[in-house]
Amino acid sequence: MGKKYEKRYCTYFKNPDIRRHNMQHEELFCCHSAEWVEEVRKAVEGDKQ
């Protein structure tokens, strides 16, 4: 996510949960599906595990 979009998220959402990855758009979902599932689980349940 570029700084422009990150600033926009922080402007319009209170305390956004931004998870940074050094990947291109949708690369995590398309090429690293197991990691994507884990990120979704963490976002829903929290990082407690």
PDB file of N, CA and C in Angstrom:
ATOM      1  N   MET A   1       0.857  -1.167   0.000  1.00  0.00           N
ATOM      2  CA  MET A   1       0.000   0.000   0.000  1.00  0.00           C
ATOM      3  C   MET A   1       0.904   1.231   0.000  1.00  0.00           C
ATOM      4  N   GLY A   2       0.606   2.121  -0.898  1.00  0.00           N
ATOM      5  CA  GLY A   2       1.383   3.341  -0.958  1.00  0.00           C
ATOM      6  C   GLY A   2       1.019   4.298   0.171  1.00  0.00           C
ATOM      7  N   LYS A   3       1.892   5.239   0.416  1.00  0.00           N
ATOM      8  CA  LYS A   3       1.671   6.207   1.506  1.00  0.00           C
ATOM      9  C   LYS A   3       0.383   7.003   1.295  1.00  0.00           C
ATOM     10  N   LYS A   4       0.044   7.280   0.037  1.00  0.00           N
ATOM     11  CA  LYS A   4      -1.167   8.019  -0.282  1.00  0.00           C
ATOM     12  C   LYS A   4      -2.404   7.271   0.230  1.00  0.00           C
ATOM     13  N   TYR A   5      -2.447   5.960  -0.022  1.00  0.00           N
ATOM     14  CA  TYR A   5      -3.604   5.171   0.393  1.00  0.00           C
ATOM     15  C   TYR A   5      -3.606   4.929   1.898  1.00  0.00           C
ATOM     16  N   GLU A   6      -2.434   4.741   2.473  1.00  0.00           N
ATOM     17  CA  GLU A   6      -2.355   4.557   3.916  1.00  0.00           C
ATOM     18  C   GLU A   6      -2.852   5.811   4.640  1.00  0.00           C
ATOM     19  N   LYS A   7      -2.477   6.975   4.142  1.00  0.00           N
ATOM     20  CA  LYS A   7      -2.949   8.229   4.726  1.00  0.00           C
ATOM     21  C   LYS A   7      -4.468   8.328   4.618  1.00  0.00           C
ATOM     22  N   ARG A   8      -5.009   7.908   3.481  1.00  0.00           N
ATOM     23  CA  ARG A   8      -6.461   7.938   3.274  1.00  0.00           C
ATOM     24  C   ARG A   8      -7.172   7.014   4.268  1.00  0.00           C
ATOM     25  N   TYR A   9      -6.642   5.804   4.453  1.00  0.00           N
ATOM     26  CA  TYR A   9      -7.244   4.881   5.424  1.00  0.00           C
ATOM     27  C   TYR A   9      -7.230   5.493   6.821  1.00  0.00           C
ATOM     28  N   CYS A  10      -6.114   6.076   7.199  1.00  0.00           N
ATOM     29  CA  CYS A  10      -6.002   6.663   8.536  1.00  0.00           C
ATOM     30  C   CYS A  10      -6.905   7.871   8.706  1.00  0.00           C
ATOM     31  N   THR A  11      -7.209   8.553   7.614  1.00  0.00           N
ATOM     32  CA  THR A  11      -8.097   9.710   7.666  1.00  0.00           C
ATOM     33  C   THR A  11      -9.549   9.289   7.881  1.00  0.00           C
ATOM     34  N   TYR A  12      -9.978   8.250   7.184  1.00  0.00           N
ATOM     35  CA  TYR A  12     -11.391   7.876   7.184  1.00  0.00           C
ATOM     36  C   TYR A  12     -11.765   6.747   8.140  1.00  0.00           C
ATOM     37  N   PHE A  13     -10.785   6.016   8.668  1.00  0.00           N
ATOM     38  CA  PHE A  13     -11.069   4.923   9.590  1.00  0.00           C
ATOM     39  C   PHE A  13     -10.317   5.142  10.893  1.00  0.00           C
ATOM     40  N   LYS A  14     -10.998   4.980  12.001  1.00  0.00           N
ATOM     41  CA  LYS A  14     -10.356   5.128  13.306  1.00  0.00           C
ATOM     42  C   LYS A  14      -9.571   3.860  13.612  1.00  0.00           C
ATOM     43  N   ASN A  15      -8.278   3.994  13.829  1.00  0.00           N
ATOM     44  CA  ASN A  15      -7.381   2.884  14.151  1.00  0.00           C
ATOM     45  C   ASN A  15      -7.499   1.717  13.158  1.00  0.00           C
ATOM     46  N   PRO A  16      -7.227   1.939  11.881  1.00  0.00           N
ATOM     47  CA  PRO A  16      -7.345   0.842  10.916  1.00  0.00           C
ATOM     48  C   PRO A  16      -6.314  -0.254  11.197  1.00  0.00           C
ATOM     49  N   ASP A  17      -6.690  -1.487  10.939  1.00  0.00           N
ATOM     50  CA  ASP A  17      -5.792  -2.632  11.107  1.00  0.00           C
ATOM     51  C   ASP A  17      -5.107  -2.869   9.765  1.00  0.00           C
ATOM     52  N   ILE A  18      -3.975  -2.216   9.566  1.00  0.00           N
ATOM     53  CA  ILE A  18      -3.247  -2.306   8.307  1.00  0.00           C
ATOM     54  C   ILE A  18      -2.141  -3.335   8.475  1.00  0.00           C
ATOM     55  N   ARG A  19      -2.183  -4.368   7.651  1.00  0.00           N
ATOM     56  CA  ARG A  19      -1.185  -5.440   7.694  1.00  0.00           C
ATOM     57  C   ARG A  19      -0.317  -5.312   6.458  1.00  0.00           C
ATOM     58  N   ARG A  20       0.934  -4.989   6.681  1.00  0.00           N
ATOM     59  CA  ARG A  20       1.842  -4.700   5.575  1.00  0.00           C
ATOM     60  C   ARG A  20       2.546  -5.961   5.075  1.00  0.00           C
ATOM     61  N   HIS A  21       2.641  -6.075   3.756  1.00  0.00           N
ATOM     62  CA  HIS A  21       3.359  -7.156   3.097  1.00  0.00           C
ATOM     63  C   HIS A  21       4.107  -6.555   1.917  1.00  0.00           C
ATOM     64  N   ASN A  22       5.277  -7.062   1.658  1.00  0.00           N
ATOM     65  CA  ASN A  22       6.065  -6.564   0.540  1.00  0.00           C
ATOM     66  C   ASN A  22       5.674  -7.346  -0.716  1.00  0.00           C
ATOM     67  N   MET A  23       4.447  -7.115  -1.188  1.00  0.00           N
ATOM     68  CA  MET A  23       3.919  -7.834  -2.346  1.00  0.00           C
ATOM     69  C   MET A  23       3.100  -6.893  -3.215  1.00  0.00           C
ATOM     70  N   GLN A  24       2.869  -7.333  -4.442  1.00  0.00           N
ATOM     71  CA  GLN A  24       2.031  -6.583  -5.357  1.00  0.00           C
ATOM     72  C   GLN A  24       0.558  -6.841  -5.043  1.00  0.00           C
ATOM     73  N   HIS A  25      -0.314  -6.093  -5.686  1.00  0.00           N
ATOM     74  CA  HIS A  25      -1.756  -6.196  -5.480  1.00  0.00           C
ATOM     75  C   HIS A  25      -2.239  -7.638  -5.668  1.00  0.00           C
ATOM     76  N   GLU A  26      -2.911  -8.176  -4.701  1.00  0.00           N
ATOM     77  CA  GLU A  26      -3.504  -9.514  -4.682  1.00  0.00           C
ATOM     78  C   GLU A  26      -2.499 -10.662  -4.737  1.00  0.00           C
ATOM     79  N   GLU A  27      -1.212 -10.382  -4.653  1.00  0.00           N
ATOM     80  CA  GLU A  27      -0.218 -11.451  -4.694  1.00  0.00           C
ATOM     81  C   GLU A  27      -0.342 -12.381  -3.494  1.00  0.00           C
ATOM     82  N   LEU A  28      -0.621 -11.841  -2.323  1.00  0.00           N
ATOM     83  CA  LEU A  28      -0.780 -12.673  -1.130  1.00  0.00           C
ATOM     84  C   LEU A  28      -1.915 -13.667  -1.333  1.00  0.00           C
ATOM     85  N   PHE A  29      -3.051 -13.207  -1.846  1.00  0.00           N
ATOM     86  CA  PHE A  29      -4.212 -14.065  -2.075  1.00  0.00           C
ATOM     87  C   PHE A  29      -3.954 -15.099  -3.159  1.00  0.00           C
ATOM     88  N   CYS A  30      -3.386 -14.691  -4.268  1.00  0.00           N
ATOM     89  CA  CYS A  30      -3.229 -15.577  -5.429  1.00  0.00           C
ATOM     90  C   CYS A  30      -2.068 -16.562  -5.305  1.00  0.00           C
ATOM     91  N   CYS A  31      -0.957 -16.124  -4.758  1.00  0.00           N
ATOM     92  CA  CYS A  31       0.256 -16.949  -4.765  1.00  0.00           C
ATOM     93  C   CYS A  31       0.609 -17.545  -3.411  1.00  0.00           C
ATOM     94  N   HIS A  32       0.061 -16.996  -2.347  1.00  0.00           N
ATOM     95  CA  HIS A  32       0.406 -17.446  -0.999  1.00  0.00           C
ATOM     96  C   HIS A  32      -0.879 -17.664  -0.210  1.00  0.00           C
ATOM     97  N   SER A  33      -1.710 -18.584  -0.680  1.00  0.00           N
ATOM     98  CA  SER A  33      -3.050 -18.736  -0.101  1.00  0.00           C
ATOM     99  C   SER A  33      -3.033 -19.149   1.369  1.00  0.00           C
ATOM    100  N   ALA A  34      -2.098 -19.987   1.790  1.00  0.00           N
ATOM    101  CA  ALA A  34      -2.043 -20.402   3.197  1.00  0.00           C
ATOM    102  C   ALA A  34      -1.746 -19.202   4.104  1.00  0.00           C
ATOM    103  N   GLU A  35      -0.829 -18.359   3.677  1.00  0.00           N
ATOM    104  CA  GLU A  35      -0.515 -17.153   4.449  1.00  0.00           C
ATOM    105  C   GLU A  35      -1.700 -16.194   4.465  1.00  0.00           C
ATOM    106  N   TRP A  36      -2.427 -16.116   3.342  1.00  0.00           N
ATOM    107  CA  TRP A  36      -3.601 -15.249   3.264  1.00  0.00           C
ATOM    108  C   TRP A  36      -4.665 -15.710   4.251  1.00  0.00           C
ATOM    109  N   VAL A  37      -4.907 -17.034   4.313  1.00  0.00           N
ATOM    110  CA  VAL A  37      -5.888 -17.577   5.259  1.00  0.00           C
ATOM    111  C   VAL A  37      -5.485 -17.235   6.682  1.00  0.00           C
ATOM    112  N   GLU A  38      -4.211 -17.347   7.001  1.00  0.00           N
ATOM    113  CA  GLU A  38      -3.726 -17.030   8.352  1.00  0.00           C
ATOM    114  C   GLU A  38      -3.927 -15.543   8.665  1.00  0.00           C
ATOM    115  N   GLU A  39      -3.671 -14.667   7.706  1.00  0.00           N
ATOM    116  CA  GLU A  39      -3.882 -13.235   7.922  1.00  0.00           C
ATOM    117  C   GLU A  39      -5.356 -12.926   8.174  1.00  0.00           C
ATOM    118  N   VAL A  40      -6.249 -13.566   7.427  1.00  0.00           N
ATOM    119  CA  VAL A  40      -7.681 -13.355   7.632  1.00  0.00           C
ATOM    120  C   VAL A  40      -8.084 -13.850   9.018  1.00  0.00           C
ATOM    121  N   ARG A  41      -7.567 -15.021   9.423  1.00  0.00           N
ATOM    122  CA  ARG A  41      -7.872 -15.556  10.745  1.00  0.00           C
ATOM    123  C   ARG A  41      -7.401 -14.598  11.826  1.00  0.00           C
ATOM    124  N   LYS A  42      -6.202 -14.066  11.692  1.00  0.00           N
ATOM    125  CA  LYS A  42      -5.683 -13.120  12.681  1.00  0.00           C
ATOM    126  C   LYS A  42      -6.529 -11.844  12.728  1.00  0.00           C
ATOM    127  N   ALA A  43      -6.967 -11.381  11.563  1.00  0.00           N
ATOM    128  CA  ALA A  43      -7.777 -10.165  11.524  1.00  0.00           C
ATOM    129  C   ALA A  43      -9.120 -10.376  12.222  1.00  0.00           C
ATOM    130  N   VAL A  44      -9.703 -11.560  12.060  1.00  0.00           N
ATOM    131  CA  VAL A  44     -11.024 -11.834  12.654  1.00  0.00           C
ATOM    132  C   VAL A  44     -10.899 -12.164  14.135  1.00  0.00           C
ATOM    133  N   GLU A  45      -9.966 -13.047  14.474  1.00  0.00           N
ATOM    134  CA  GLU A  45      -9.832 -13.501  15.852  1.00  0.00           C
ATOM    135  C   GLU A  45      -8.893 -12.636  16.676  1.00  0.00           C
ATOM    136  N   GLY A  46      -8.046 -11.885  16.025  1.00  0.00           N
ATOM    137  CA  GLY A  46      -7.012 -11.129  16.724  1.00  0.00           C
ATOM    138  C   GLY A  46      -5.715 -11.925  16.692  1.00  0.00           C
ATOM    139  N   ASP A  47      -4.636 -11.291  17.076  1.00  0.00           N
ATOM    140  CA  ASP A  47      -3.317 -11.923  17.021  1.00  0.00           C
ATOM    141  C   ASP A  47      -3.008 -12.678  18.303  1.00  0.00           C
ATOM    142  N   LYS A  48      -4.014 -13.250  18.942  1.00  0.00           N
ATOM    143  CA  LYS A  48      -3.823 -13.888  20.240  1.00  0.00           C
ATOM    144  C   LYS A  48      -3.187 -15.260  20.173  1.00  0.00           C
ATOM    145  N   GLN A  49      -3.131 -15.872  19.002  1.00  0.00           N
ATOM    146  CA  GLN A  49      -2.537 -17.216  18.899  1.00  0.00           C
ATOM    147  C   GLN A  49      -1.144 -17.161  18.349  1.00  0.00           C
TER     148      GLN A  49
END
